[in-house]
Amino acid sequence: MYLARGSSDDPYVWLWVLAALALYALISYALQYRARARRGSARPAHDALHDLKDREDPQPPENRFVSRVIMLCGAGLTGLVAYLTNGAVRVLAVGLTAVVAVTVWAYYDHRTETRASARS
């Protein structure tokens, strides 16, 4: 039964994962909003939401690979920080590391998506 329940020491691992995905979505939306506002959109909030929802073209394989490497390195670094720290320092350090890693990941995806859509 031990294996069926999982072997994680932290029962809130899924909350950390969901928080990282929510942060990724929020940062992606903010970057799209800023891009739409700079282009002079009449409704930048609405258009940014539709840009995120209507991504038709998948990333080219090399951009997708780099995006996944950034994601996995950020997750690995966050896990390493969690392993090396404890107590209140752990929460602060892991949170800060996760925010930076997710921001880099979202920014890379935004920049490569913008360039790909500009070429089309």
PDB file of N, CA and C in Angstrom:
ATOM      1  N   MET A   1       0.810  -1.198   0.000  1.00  0.00           N
ATOM      2  CA  MET A   1       0.000   0.000   0.000  1.00  0.00           C
ATOM      3  C   MET A   1       0.848   1.255   0.000  1.00  0.00           C
ATOM      4  N   TYR A   2       2.054   1.158   0.486  1.00  0.00           N
ATOM      5  CA  TYR A   2       2.908   2.329   0.530  1.00  0.00           C
ATOM      6  C   TYR A   2       3.182   2.853  -0.875  1.00  0.00           C
ATOM      7  N   LEU A   3       3.448   1.955  -1.812  1.00  0.00           N
ATOM      8  CA  LEU A   3       3.739   2.379  -3.177  1.00  0.00           C
ATOM      9  C   LEU A   3       2.503   2.963  -3.861  1.00  0.00           C
ATOM     10  N   ALA A   4       1.340   2.466  -3.519  1.00  0.00           N
ATOM     11  CA  ALA A   4       0.121   2.964  -4.150  1.00  0.00           C
ATOM     12  C   ALA A   4      -0.165   4.405  -3.748  1.00  0.00           C
ATOM     13  N   ARG A   5       0.218   4.783  -2.554  1.00  0.00           N
ATOM     14  CA  ARG A   5      -0.037   6.145  -2.091  1.00  0.00           C
ATOM     15  C   ARG A   5       1.048   7.113  -2.531  1.00  0.00           C
ATOM     16  N   GLY A   6       2.166   6.646  -2.953  1.00  0.00           N
ATOM     17  CA  GLY A   6       3.262   7.515  -3.345  1.00  0.00           C
ATOM     18  C   GLY A   6       4.293   7.591  -2.241  1.00  0.00           C
ATOM     19  N   SER A   7       5.448   8.037  -2.585  1.00  0.00           N
ATOM     20  CA  SER A   7       6.520   8.058  -1.599  1.00  0.00           C
ATOM     21  C   SER A   7       7.014   9.466  -1.316  1.00  0.00           C
ATOM     22  N   SER A   8       6.248  10.463  -1.659  1.00  0.00           N
ATOM     23  CA  SER A   8       6.684  11.835  -1.445  1.00  0.00           C
ATOM     24  C   SER A   8       6.608  12.204   0.035  1.00  0.00           C
ATOM     25  N   ASP A   9       7.611  12.904   0.504  1.00  0.00           N
ATOM     26  CA  ASP A   9       7.606  13.387   1.881  1.00  0.00           C
ATOM     27  C   ASP A   9       6.659  14.572   2.043  1.00  0.00           C
ATOM     28  N   ASP A  10       6.468  15.303   0.984  1.00  0.00           N
ATOM     29  CA  ASP A  10       5.642  16.510   1.030  1.00  0.00           C
ATOM     30  C   ASP A  10       4.280  16.218   0.403  1.00  0.00           C
ATOM     31  N   PRO A  11       3.211  16.229   1.182  1.00  0.00           N
ATOM     32  CA  PRO A  11       1.889  15.934   0.613  1.00  0.00           C
ATOM     33  C   PRO A  11       1.358  17.064  -0.272  1.00  0.00           C
ATOM     34  N   TYR A  12       2.016  18.196  -0.264  1.00  0.00           N
ATOM     35  CA  TYR A  12       1.544  19.342  -1.027  1.00  0.00           C
ATOM     36  C   TYR A  12       2.289  19.535  -2.343  1.00  0.00           C
ATOM     37  N   VAL A  13       2.951  18.480  -2.825  1.00  0.00           N
ATOM     38  CA  VAL A  13       3.688  18.576  -4.084  1.00  0.00           C
ATOM     39  C   VAL A  13       2.764  18.986  -5.220  1.00  0.00           C
ATOM     40  N   TRP A  14       1.560  18.415  -5.263  1.00  0.00           N
ATOM     41  CA  TRP A  14       0.627  18.750  -6.347  1.00  0.00           C
ATOM     42  C   TRP A  14       0.184  20.207  -6.278  1.00  0.00           C
ATOM     43  N   LEU A  15       0.104  20.760  -5.095  1.00  0.00           N
ATOM     44  CA  LEU A  15      -0.218  22.183  -4.979  1.00  0.00           C
ATOM     45  C   LEU A  15       0.896  23.048  -5.551  1.00  0.00           C
ATOM     46  N   TRP A  16       2.149  22.637  -5.339  1.00  0.00           N
ATOM     47  CA  TRP A  16       3.269  23.368  -5.917  1.00  0.00           C
ATOM     48  C   TRP A  16       3.222  23.288  -7.449  1.00  0.00           C
ATOM     49  N   VAL A  17       2.910  22.119  -7.962  1.00  0.00           N
ATOM     50  CA  VAL A  17       2.842  21.943  -9.423  1.00  0.00           C
ATOM     51  C   VAL A  17       1.706  22.784 -10.007  1.00  0.00           C
ATOM     52  N   LEU A  18       0.543  22.737  -9.385  1.00  0.00           N
ATOM     53  CA  LEU A  18      -0.587  23.543  -9.866  1.00  0.00           C
ATOM     54  C   LEU A  18      -0.303  25.035  -9.756  1.00  0.00           C
ATOM     55  N   ALA A  19       0.380  25.433  -8.703  1.00  0.00           N
ATOM     56  CA  ALA A  19       0.744  26.843  -8.552  1.00  0.00           C
ATOM     57  C   ALA A  19       1.714  27.271  -9.660  1.00  0.00           C
ATOM     58  N   ALA A  20       2.659  26.403 -10.015  1.00  0.00           N
ATOM     59  CA  ALA A  20       3.606  26.721 -11.091  1.00  0.00           C
ATOM     60  C   ALA A  20       2.884  26.847 -12.429  1.00  0.00           C
ATOM     61  N   LEU A  21       1.939  25.952 -12.700  1.00  0.00           N
ATOM     62  CA  LEU A  21       1.181  26.033 -13.956  1.00  0.00           C
ATOM     63  C   LEU A  21       0.291  27.272 -13.994  1.00  0.00           C
ATOM     64  N   ALA A  22      -0.320  27.613 -12.865  1.00  0.00           N
ATOM     65  CA  ALA A  22      -1.141  28.830 -12.800  1.00  0.00           C
ATOM     66  C   ALA A  22      -0.271  30.067 -12.995  1.00  0.00           C
ATOM     67  N   LEU A  23       0.913  30.063 -12.411  1.00  0.00           N
ATOM     68  CA  LEU A  23       1.827  31.183 -12.590  1.00  0.00           C
ATOM     69  C   LEU A  23       2.266  31.301 -14.041  1.00  0.00           C
ATOM     70  N   TYR A  24       2.525  30.157 -14.691  1.00  0.00           N
ATOM     71  CA  TYR A  24       2.883  30.163 -16.109  1.00  0.00           C
ATOM     72  C   TYR A  24       1.761  30.786 -16.948  1.00  0.00           C
ATOM     73  N   ALA A  25       0.528  30.390 -16.675  1.00  0.00           N
ATOM     74  CA  ALA A  25      -0.609  30.942 -17.418  1.00  0.00           C
ATOM     75  C   ALA A  25      -0.755  32.437 -17.166  1.00  0.00           C
ATOM     76  N   LEU A  26      -0.583  32.869 -15.936  1.00  0.00           N
ATOM     77  CA  LEU A  26      -0.699  34.279 -15.598  1.00  0.00           C
ATOM     78  C   LEU A  26       0.393  35.110 -16.264  1.00  0.00           C
ATOM     79  N   ILE A  27       1.622  34.625 -16.235  1.00  0.00           N
ATOM     80  CA  ILE A  27       2.724  35.354 -16.875  1.00  0.00           C
ATOM     81  C   ILE A  27       2.541  35.376 -18.381  1.00  0.00           C
ATOM     82  N   SER A  28       2.115  34.269 -18.972  1.00  0.00           N
ATOM     83  CA  SER A  28       1.870  34.237 -20.422  1.00  0.00           C
ATOM     84  C   SER A  28       0.789  35.241 -20.805  1.00  0.00           C
ATOM     85  N   TYR A  29      -0.268  35.291 -19.999  1.00  0.00           N
ATOM     86  CA  TYR A  29      -1.339  36.255 -20.263  1.00  0.00           C
ATOM     87  C   TYR A  29      -0.812  37.685 -20.158  1.00  0.00           C
ATOM     88  N   ALA A  30      -0.025  37.969 -19.143  1.00  0.00           N
ATOM     89  CA  ALA A  30       0.512  39.321 -18.963  1.00  0.00           C
ATOM     90  C   ALA A  30       1.412  39.714 -20.128  1.00  0.00           C
ATOM     91  N   LEU A  31       2.223  38.792 -20.612  1.00  0.00           N
ATOM     92  CA  LEU A  31       3.088  39.092 -21.753  1.00  0.00           C
ATOM     93  C   LEU A  31       2.265  39.337 -23.018  1.00  0.00           C
ATOM     94  N   GLN A  32       1.228  38.526 -23.239  1.00  0.00           N
ATOM     95  CA  GLN A  32       0.355  38.735 -24.400  1.00  0.00           C
ATOM     96  C   GLN A  32      -0.396  40.063 -24.291  1.00  0.00           C
ATOM     97  N   TYR A  33      -0.852  40.376 -23.087  1.00  0.00           N
ATOM     98  CA  TYR A  33      -1.561  41.643 -22.862  1.00  0.00           C
ATOM     99  C   TYR A  33      -0.652  42.822 -23.190  1.00  0.00           C
ATOM    100  N   ARG A  34       0.583  42.767 -22.689  1.00  0.00           N
ATOM    101  CA  ARG A  34       1.521  43.854 -22.961  1.00  0.00           C
ATOM    102  C   ARG A  34       1.801  43.993 -24.462  1.00  0.00           C
ATOM    103  N   ALA A  35       1.952  42.858 -25.141  1.00  0.00           N
ATOM    104  CA  ALA A  35       2.198  42.904 -26.585  1.00  0.00           C
ATOM    105  C   ALA A  35       1.001  43.490 -27.324  1.00  0.00           C
ATOM    106  N   ARG A  36      -0.204  43.088 -26.934  1.00  0.00           N
ATOM    107  CA  ARG A  36      -1.415  43.620 -27.576  1.00  0.00           C
ATOM    108  C   ARG A  36      -1.583  45.113 -27.298  1.00  0.00           C
ATOM    109  N   ALA A  37      -1.299  45.539 -26.079  1.00  0.00           N
ATOM    110  CA  ALA A  37      -1.427  46.954 -25.731  1.00  0.00           C
ATOM    111  C   ALA A  37      -0.412  47.786 -26.513  1.00  0.00           C
ATOM    112  N   ARG A  38       0.779  47.289 -26.689  1.00  0.00           N
ATOM    113  CA  ARG A  38       1.800  48.015 -27.448  1.00  0.00           C
ATOM    114  C   ARG A  38       1.445  48.117 -28.925  1.00  0.00           C
ATOM    115  N   ARG A  39       0.740  47.106 -29.434  1.00  0.00           N
ATOM    116  CA  ARG A  39       0.325  47.144 -30.841  1.00  0.00           C
ATOM    117  C   ARG A  39      -0.894  48.021 -31.061  1.00  0.00           C
ATOM    118  N   GLY A  40      -1.479  48.539 -29.983  1.00  0.00           N
ATOM    119  CA  GLY A  40      -2.605  49.458 -30.103  1.00  0.00           C
ATOM    120  C   GLY A  40      -3.950  48.787 -30.224  1.00  0.00           C
ATOM    121  N   SER A  41      -4.097  47.622 -29.642  1.00  0.00           N
ATOM    122  CA  SER A  41      -5.372  46.917 -29.683  1.00  0.00           C
ATOM    123  C   SER A  41      -6.434  47.687 -28.910  1.00  0.00           C
ATOM    124  N   ALA A  42      -7.645  47.690 -29.425  1.00  0.00           N
ATOM    125  CA  ALA A  42      -8.745  48.372 -28.742  1.00  0.00           C
ATOM    126  C   ALA A  42      -9.148  47.633 -27.471  1.00  0.00           C
ATOM    127  N   ARG A  43      -9.036  46.324 -27.478  1.00  0.00           N
ATOM    128  CA  ARG A  43      -9.385  45.507 -26.306  1.00  0.00           C
ATOM    129  C   ARG A  43      -8.228  44.551 -26.014  1.00  0.00           C
ATOM    130  N   PRO A  44      -7.153  45.051 -25.424  1.00  0.00           N
ATOM    131  CA  PRO A  44      -5.974  44.191 -25.246  1.00  0.00           C
ATOM    132  C   PRO A  44      -6.218  43.008 -24.313  1.00  0.00           C
ATOM    133  N   ALA A  45      -7.032  43.179 -23.277  1.00  0.00           N
ATOM    134  CA  ALA A  45      -7.283  42.071 -22.351  1.00  0.00           C
ATOM    135  C   ALA A  45      -8.026  40.932 -23.050  1.00  0.00           C
ATOM    136  N   HIS A  46      -9.046  41.283 -23.803  1.00  0.00           N
ATOM    137  CA  HIS A  46      -9.832  40.277 -24.535  1.00  0.00           C
ATOM    138  C   HIS A  46      -8.991  39.614 -25.614  1.00  0.00           C
ATOM    139  N   ASP A  47      -8.249  40.419 -26.365  1.00  0.00           N
ATOM    140  CA  ASP A  47      -7.424  39.866 -27.440  1.00  0.00           C
ATOM    141  C   ASP A  47      -6.303  38.983 -26.904  1.00  0.00           C
ATOM    142  N   ALA A  48      -5.714  39.368 -25.775  1.00  0.00           N
ATOM    143  CA  ALA A  48      -4.648  38.554 -25.182  1.00  0.00           C
ATOM    144  C   ALA A  48      -5.183  37.201 -24.734  1.00  0.00           C
ATOM    145  N   LEU A  49      -6.377  37.193 -24.183  1.00  0.00           N
ATOM    146  CA  LEU A  49      -6.978  35.939 -23.761  1.00  0.00           C
ATOM    147  C   LEU A  49      -7.242  35.029 -24.960  1.00  0.00           C
ATOM    148  N   HIS A  50      -7.722  35.615 -26.064  1.00  0.00           N
ATOM    149  CA  HIS A  50      -7.970  34.815 -27.266  1.00  0.00           C
ATOM    150  C   HIS A  50      -6.668  34.361 -27.918  1.00  0.00           C
ATOM    151  N   ASP A  51      -5.602  35.181 -27.824  1.00  0.00           N
ATOM    152  CA  ASP A  51      -4.309  34.755 -28.357  1.00  0.00           C
ATOM    153  C   ASP A  51      -3.806  33.513 -27.637  1.00  0.00           C
ATOM    154  N   LEU A  52      -3.986  33.479 -26.331  1.00  0.00           N
ATOM    155  CA  LEU A  52      -3.540  32.315 -25.575  1.00  0.00           C
ATOM    156  C   LEU A  52      -4.396  31.094 -25.862  1.00  0.00           C
ATOM    157  N   LYS A  53      -5.695  31.317 -26.030  1.00  0.00           N
ATOM    158  CA  LYS A  53      -6.613  30.212 -26.263  1.00  0.00           C
ATOM    159  C   LYS A  53      -6.499  29.665 -27.686  1.00  0.00           C
ATOM    160  N   ASP A  54      -6.202  30.524 -28.642  1.00  0.00           N
ATOM    161  CA  ASP A  54      -6.247  30.141 -30.049  1.00  0.00           C
ATOM    162  C   ASP A  54      -4.874  29.876 -30.662  1.00  0.00           C
ATOM    163  N   ARG A  55      -3.943  29.390 -29.890  1.00  0.00           N
ATOM    164  CA  ARG A  55      -2.636  29.058 -30.460  1.00  0.00           C
ATOM    165  C   ARG A  55      -2.794  27.844 -31.353  1.00  0.00           C
ATOM    166  N   GLU A  56      -2.771  28.087 -32.656  1.00  0.00           N
ATOM    167  CA  GLU A  56      -2.996  27.003 -33.608  1.00  0.00           C
ATOM    168  C   GLU A  56      -1.703  26.296 -33.994  1.00  0.00           C
ATOM    169  N   ASP A  57      -0.655  27.072 -34.211  1.00  0.00           N
ATOM    170  CA  ASP A  57       0.593  26.485 -34.672  1.00  0.00           C
ATOM    171  C   ASP A  57       1.407  25.980 -33.488  1.00  0.00           C
ATOM    172  N   PRO A  58       1.747  24.702 -33.504  1.00  0.00           N
ATOM    173  CA  PRO A  58       2.627  24.212 -32.436  1.00  0.00           C
ATOM    174  C   PRO A  58       4.030  24.784 -32.626  1.00  0.00           C
ATOM    175  N   GLN A  59       4.790  24.761 -31.582  1.00  0.00           N
ATOM    176  CA  GLN A  59       6.156  25.256 -31.673  1.00  0.00           C
ATOM    177  C   GLN A  59       6.966  24.362 -32.602  1.00  0.00           C
ATOM    178  N   PRO A  60       7.935  24.941 -33.298  1.00  0.00           N
ATOM    179  CA  PRO A  60       8.859  24.094 -34.059  1.00  0.00           C
ATOM    180  C   PRO A  60       9.584  23.150 -33.094  1.00  0.00           C
ATOM    181  N   PRO A  61      10.028  21.996 -33.574  1.00  0.00           N
ATOM    182  CA  PRO A  61      10.639  21.005 -32.678  1.00  0.00           C
ATOM    183  C   PRO A  61      11.806  21.542 -31.851  1.00  0.00           C
ATOM    184  N   GLU A  62      12.656  22.378 -32.451  1.00  0.00           N
ATOM    185  CA  GLU A  62      13.804  22.871 -31.691  1.00  0.00           C
ATOM    186  C   GLU A  62      13.366  23.839 -30.585  1.00  0.00           C
ATOM    187  N   ASN A  63      12.358  24.669 -30.841  1.00  0.00           N
ATOM    188  CA  ASN A  63      11.851  25.575 -29.804  1.00  0.00           C
ATOM    189  C   ASN A  63      11.134  24.796 -28.702  1.00  0.00           C
ATOM    190  N   ARG A  64      10.407  23.769 -29.089  1.00  0.00           N
ATOM    191  CA  ARG A  64       9.708  22.944 -28.096  1.00  0.00           C
ATOM    192  C   ARG A  64      10.718  22.229 -27.202  1.00  0.00           C
ATOM    193  N   PHE A  65      11.797  21.727 -27.804  1.00  0.00           N
ATOM    194  CA  PHE A  65      12.829  21.050 -27.026  1.00  0.00           C
ATOM    195  C   PHE A  65      13.470  22.008 -26.022  1.00  0.00           C
ATOM    196  N   VAL A  66      13.834  23.206 -26.475  1.00  0.00           N
ATOM    197  CA  VAL A  66      14.452  24.183 -25.582  1.00  0.00           C
ATOM    198  C   VAL A  66      13.472  24.582 -24.485  1.00  0.00           C
ATOM    199  N   SER A  67      12.205  24.742 -24.825  1.00  0.00           N
ATOM    200  CA  SER A  67      11.186  25.087 -23.839  1.00  0.00           C
ATOM    201  C   SER A  67      11.091  24.009 -22.763  1.00  0.00           C
ATOM    202  N   ARG A  68      11.110  22.752 -23.168  1.00  0.00           N
ATOM    203  CA  ARG A  68      11.015  21.662 -22.210  1.00  0.00           C
ATOM    204  C   ARG A  68      12.285  21.541 -21.370  1.00  0.00           C
ATOM    205  N   VAL A  69      13.443  21.830 -21.973  1.00  0.00           N
ATOM    206  CA  VAL A  69      14.692  21.824 -21.212  1.00  0.00           C
ATOM    207  C   VAL A  69      14.661  22.921 -20.148  1.00  0.00           C
ATOM    208  N   ILE A  70      14.183  24.105 -20.517  1.00  0.00           N
ATOM    209  CA  ILE A  70      14.060  25.193 -19.541  1.00  0.00           C
ATOM    210  C   ILE A  70      13.112  24.778 -18.417  1.00  0.00           C
ATOM    211  N   MET A  71      11.991  24.168 -18.778  1.00  0.00           N
ATOM    212  CA  MET A  71      11.019  23.729 -17.785  1.00  0.00           C
ATOM    213  C   MET A  71      11.638  22.691 -16.846  1.00  0.00           C
ATOM    214  N   LEU A  72      12.301  21.687 -17.391  1.00  0.00           N
ATOM    215  CA  LEU A  72      12.875  20.620 -16.563  1.00  0.00           C
ATOM    216  C   LEU A  72      14.042  21.123 -15.718  1.00  0.00           C
ATOM    217  N   CYS A  73      14.863  22.003 -16.262  1.00  0.00           N
ATOM    218  CA  CYS A  73      15.968  22.562 -15.474  1.00  0.00           C
ATOM    219  C   CYS A  73      15.427  23.421 -14.329  1.00  0.00           C
ATOM    220  N   GLY A  74      14.384  24.186 -14.597  1.00  0.00           N
ATOM    221  CA  GLY A  74      13.765  24.974 -13.539  1.00  0.00           C
ATOM    222  C   GLY A  74      13.173  24.090 -12.458  1.00  0.00           C
ATOM    223  N   ALA A  75      12.525  23.004 -12.862  1.00  0.00           N
ATOM    224  CA  ALA A  75      11.964  22.062 -11.883  1.00  0.00           C
ATOM    225  C   ALA A  75      13.077  21.376 -11.099  1.00  0.00           C
ATOM    226  N   GLY A  76      14.138  20.999 -11.781  1.00  0.00           N
ATOM    227  CA  GLY A  76      15.264  20.369 -11.096  1.00  0.00           C
ATOM    228  C   GLY A  76      15.943  21.307 -10.115  1.00  0.00           C
ATOM    229  N   LEU A  77      16.121  22.547 -10.532  1.00  0.00           N
ATOM    230  CA  LEU A  77      16.735  23.531  -9.647  1.00  0.00           C
ATOM    231  C   LEU A  77      15.847  23.804  -8.436  1.00  0.00           C
ATOM    232  N   THR A  78      14.547  23.885  -8.670  1.00  0.00           N
ATOM    233  CA  THR A  78      13.611  24.091  -7.563  1.00  0.00           C
ATOM    234  C   THR A  78      13.650  22.903  -6.607  1.00  0.00           C
ATOM    235  N   GLY A  79      13.697  21.696  -7.130  1.00  0.00           N
ATOM    236  CA  GLY A  79      13.800  20.509  -6.290  1.00  0.00           C
ATOM    237  C   GLY A  79      15.110  20.465  -5.512  1.00  0.00           C
ATOM    238  N   LEU A  80      16.195  20.875  -6.153  1.00  0.00           N
ATOM    239  CA  LEU A  80      17.487  20.911  -5.476  1.00  0.00           C
ATOM    240  C   LEU A  80      17.477  21.916  -4.323  1.00  0.00           C
ATOM    241  N   VAL A  81      16.887  23.078  -4.573  1.00  0.00           N
ATOM    242  CA  VAL A  81      16.771  24.084  -3.509  1.00  0.00           C
ATOM    243  C   VAL A  81      15.925  23.540  -2.368  1.00  0.00           C
ATOM    244  N   ALA A  82      14.843  22.854  -2.690  1.00  0.00           N
ATOM    245  CA  ALA A  82      13.992  22.267  -1.643  1.00  0.00           C
ATOM    246  C   ALA A  82      14.748  21.209  -0.848  1.00  0.00           C
ATOM    247  N   TYR A  83      15.580  20.442  -1.521  1.00  0.00           N
ATOM    248  CA  TYR A  83      16.348  19.394  -0.846  1.00  0.00           C
ATOM    249  C   TYR A  83      17.423  19.974   0.069  1.00  0.00           C
ATOM    250  N   LEU A  84      18.045  21.073  -0.357  1.00  0.00           N
ATOM    251  CA  LEU A  84      19.168  21.635   0.386  1.00  0.00           C
ATOM    252  C   LEU A  84      18.764  22.573   1.515  1.00  0.00           C
ATOM    253  N   THR A  85      17.508  22.967   1.564  1.00  0.00           N
ATOM    254  CA  THR A  85      17.067  23.900   2.606  1.00  0.00           C
ATOM    255  C   THR A  85      15.971  23.254   3.444  1.00  0.00           C
ATOM    256  N   ASN A  86      15.648  23.907   4.567  1.00  0.00           N
ATOM    257  CA  ASN A  86      14.524  23.431   5.376  1.00  0.00           C
ATOM    258  C   ASN A  86      13.953  24.595   6.178  1.00  0.00           C
ATOM    259  N   GLY A  87      12.774  24.376   6.731  1.00  0.00           N
ATOM    260  CA  GLY A  87      12.115  25.391   7.543  1.00  0.00           C
ATOM    261  C   GLY A  87      11.533  26.515   6.708  1.00  0.00           C
ATOM    262  N   ALA A  88      11.504  27.691   7.299  1.00  0.00           N
ATOM    263  CA  ALA A  88      10.941  28.861   6.618  1.00  0.00           C
ATOM    264  C   ALA A  88      11.785  29.278   5.422  1.00  0.00           C
ATOM    265  N   VAL A  89      13.083  29.022   5.508  1.00  0.00           N
ATOM    266  CA  VAL A  89      13.975  29.355   4.390  1.00  0.00           C
ATOM    267  C   VAL A  89      13.599  28.533   3.167  1.00  0.00           C
ATOM    268  N   ARG A  90      13.180  27.283   3.370  1.00  0.00           N
ATOM    269  CA  ARG A  90      12.800  26.412   2.265  1.00  0.00           C
ATOM    270  C   ARG A  90      11.635  27.009   1.487  1.00  0.00           C
ATOM    271  N   VAL A  91      10.607  27.432   2.193  1.00  0.00           N
ATOM    272  CA  VAL A  91       9.419  27.977   1.520  1.00  0.00           C
ATOM    273  C   VAL A  91       9.790  29.211   0.714  1.00  0.00           C
ATOM    274  N   LEU A  92      10.563  30.106   1.301  1.00  0.00           N
ATOM    275  CA  LEU A  92      10.958  31.326   0.602  1.00  0.00           C
ATOM    276  C   LEU A  92      11.866  31.022  -0.587  1.00  0.00           C
ATOM    277  N   ALA A  93      12.868  30.174  -0.372  1.00  0.00           N
ATOM    278  CA  ALA A  93      13.823  29.858  -1.442  1.00  0.00           C
ATOM    279  C   ALA A  93      13.160  29.097  -2.586  1.00  0.00           C
ATOM    280  N   VAL A  94      12.330  28.116  -2.252  1.00  0.00           N
ATOM    281  CA  VAL A  94      11.648  27.344  -3.290  1.00  0.00           C
ATOM    282  C   VAL A  94      10.672  28.227  -4.052  1.00  0.00           C
ATOM    283  N   GLY A  95       9.940  29.052  -3.341  1.00  0.00           N
ATOM    284  CA  GLY A  95       9.003  29.961  -4.005  1.00  0.00           C
ATOM    285  C   GLY A  95       9.707  30.915  -4.953  1.00  0.00           C
ATOM    286  N   LEU A  96      10.794  31.510  -4.508  1.00  0.00           N
ATOM    287  CA  LEU A  96      11.543  32.443  -5.349  1.00  0.00           C
ATOM    288  C   LEU A  96      12.151  31.737  -6.552  1.00  0.00           C
ATOM    289  N   THR A  97      12.723  30.563  -6.330  1.00  0.00           N
ATOM    290  CA  THR A  97      13.307  29.795  -7.436  1.00  0.00           C
ATOM    291  C   THR A  97      12.241  29.391  -8.449  1.00  0.00           C
ATOM    292  N   ALA A  98      11.098  28.964  -7.959  1.00  0.00           N
ATOM    293  CA  ALA A  98      10.013  28.557  -8.853  1.00  0.00           C
ATOM    294  C   ALA A  98       9.487  29.739  -9.654  1.00  0.00           C
ATOM    295  N   VAL A  99       9.340  30.884  -9.029  1.00  0.00           N
ATOM    296  CA  VAL A  99       8.852  32.075  -9.747  1.00  0.00           C
ATOM    297  C   VAL A  99       9.833  32.474 -10.844  1.00  0.00           C
ATOM    298  N   VAL A 100      11.114  32.469 -10.543  1.00  0.00           N
ATOM    299  CA  VAL A 100      12.115  32.824 -11.555  1.00  0.00           C
ATOM    300  C   VAL A 100      12.122  31.798 -12.688  1.00  0.00           C
ATOM    301  N   ALA A 101      12.077  30.516 -12.355  1.00  0.00           N
ATOM    302  CA  ALA A 101      12.112  29.470 -13.382  1.00  0.00           C
ATOM    303  C   ALA A 101      10.882  29.540 -14.282  1.00  0.00           C
ATOM    304  N   VAL A 102       9.715  29.724 -13.700  1.00  0.00           N
ATOM    305  CA  VAL A 102       8.490  29.790 -14.506  1.00  0.00           C
ATOM    306  C   VAL A 102       8.474  31.053 -15.351  1.00  0.00           C
ATOM    307  N   THR A 103       8.991  32.151 -14.826  1.00  0.00           N
ATOM    308  CA  THR A 103       9.055  33.397 -15.596  1.00  0.00           C
ATOM    309  C   THR A 103       9.958  33.236 -16.816  1.00  0.00           C
ATOM    310  N   VAL A 104      11.112  32.620 -16.630  1.00  0.00           N
ATOM    311  CA  VAL A 104      12.030  32.382 -17.758  1.00  0.00           C
ATOM    312  C   VAL A 104      11.364  31.487 -18.792  1.00  0.00           C
ATOM    313  N   TRP A 105      10.690  30.445 -18.339  1.00  0.00           N
ATOM    314  CA  TRP A 105      10.009  29.516 -19.242  1.00  0.00           C
ATOM    315  C   TRP A 105       8.908  30.226 -20.033  1.00  0.00           C
ATOM    316  N   ALA A 106       8.062  30.987 -19.356  1.00  0.00           N
ATOM    317  CA  ALA A 106       6.970  31.695 -20.037  1.00  0.00           C
ATOM    318  C   ALA A 106       7.508  32.752 -20.992  1.00  0.00           C
ATOM    319  N   TYR A 107       8.558  33.458 -20.584  1.00  0.00           N
ATOM    320  CA  TYR A 107       9.127  34.492 -21.444  1.00  0.00           C
ATOM    321  C   TYR A 107       9.727  33.879 -22.708  1.00  0.00           C
ATOM    322  N   TYR A 108      10.424  32.755 -22.571  1.00  0.00           N
ATOM    323  CA  TYR A 108      10.982  32.089 -23.744  1.00  0.00           C
ATOM    324  C   TYR A 108       9.868  31.667 -24.699  1.00  0.00           C
ATOM    325  N   ASP A 109       8.824  31.043 -24.169  1.00  0.00           N
ATOM    326  CA  ASP A 109       7.711  30.620 -25.017  1.00  0.00           C
ATOM    327  C   ASP A 109       7.050  31.815 -25.690  1.00  0.00           C
ATOM    328  N   HIS A 110       6.912  32.914 -24.964  1.00  0.00           N
ATOM    329  CA  HIS A 110       6.292  34.116 -25.539  1.00  0.00           C
ATOM    330  C   HIS A 110       7.157  34.679 -26.671  1.00  0.00           C
ATOM    331  N   ARG A 111       8.458  34.773 -26.438  1.00  0.00           N
ATOM    332  CA  ARG A 111       9.355  35.341 -27.455  1.00  0.00           C
ATOM    333  C   ARG A 111       9.405  34.460 -28.699  1.00  0.00           C
ATOM    334  N   THR A 112       9.471  33.159 -28.546  1.00  0.00           N
ATOM    335  CA  THR A 112       9.548  32.293 -29.722  1.00  0.00           C
ATOM    336  C   THR A 112       8.200  32.239 -30.429  1.00  0.00           C
ATOM    337  N   GLU A 113       7.097  32.320 -29.708  1.00  0.00           N
ATOM    338  CA  GLU A 113       5.771  32.332 -30.344  1.00  0.00           C
ATOM    339  C   GLU A 113       5.576  33.618 -31.111  1.00  0.00           C
ATOM    340  N   THR A 114       6.039  34.732 -30.569  1.00  0.00           N
ATOM    341  CA  THR A 114       5.902  36.022 -31.240  1.00  0.00           C
ATOM    342  C   THR A 114       6.698  36.035 -32.534  1.00  0.00           C
ATOM    343  N   ARG A 115       7.909  35.515 -32.491  1.00  0.00           N
ATOM    344  CA  ARG A 115       8.729  35.478 -33.706  1.00  0.00           C
ATOM    345  C   ARG A 115       8.126  34.557 -34.766  1.00  0.00           C
ATOM    346  N   ALA A 116       7.595  33.433 -34.331  1.00  0.00           N
ATOM    347  CA  ALA A 116       6.993  32.491 -35.281  1.00  0.00           C
ATOM    348  C   ALA A 116       5.752  33.095 -35.924  1.00  0.00           C
ATOM    349  N   SER A 117       4.938  33.816 -35.159  1.00  0.00           N
ATOM    350  CA  SER A 117       3.744  34.424 -35.731  1.00  0.00           C
ATOM    351  C   SER A 117       4.080  35.604 -36.612  1.00  0.00           C
ATOM    352  N   ALA A 118       5.186  36.279 -36.347  1.00  0.00           N
ATOM    353  CA  ALA A 118       5.598  37.408 -37.181  1.00  0.00           C
ATOM    354  C   ALA A 118       6.089  36.937 -38.548  1.00  0.00           C
ATOM    355  N   ARG A 119       6.702  35.738 -38.592  1.00  0.00           N
ATOM    356  CA  ARG A 119       7.180  35.198 -39.858  1.00  0.00           C
ATOM    357  C   ARG A 119       6.031  34.730 -40.747  1.00  0.00           C
ATOM    358  N   SER A 120       4.917  34.342 -40.126  1.00  0.00           N
ATOM    359  CA  SER A 120       3.791  33.800 -40.906  1.00  0.00           C
ATOM    360  C   SER A 120       3.013  34.888 -41.597  1.00  0.00           C
TER     361      SER A 120
END
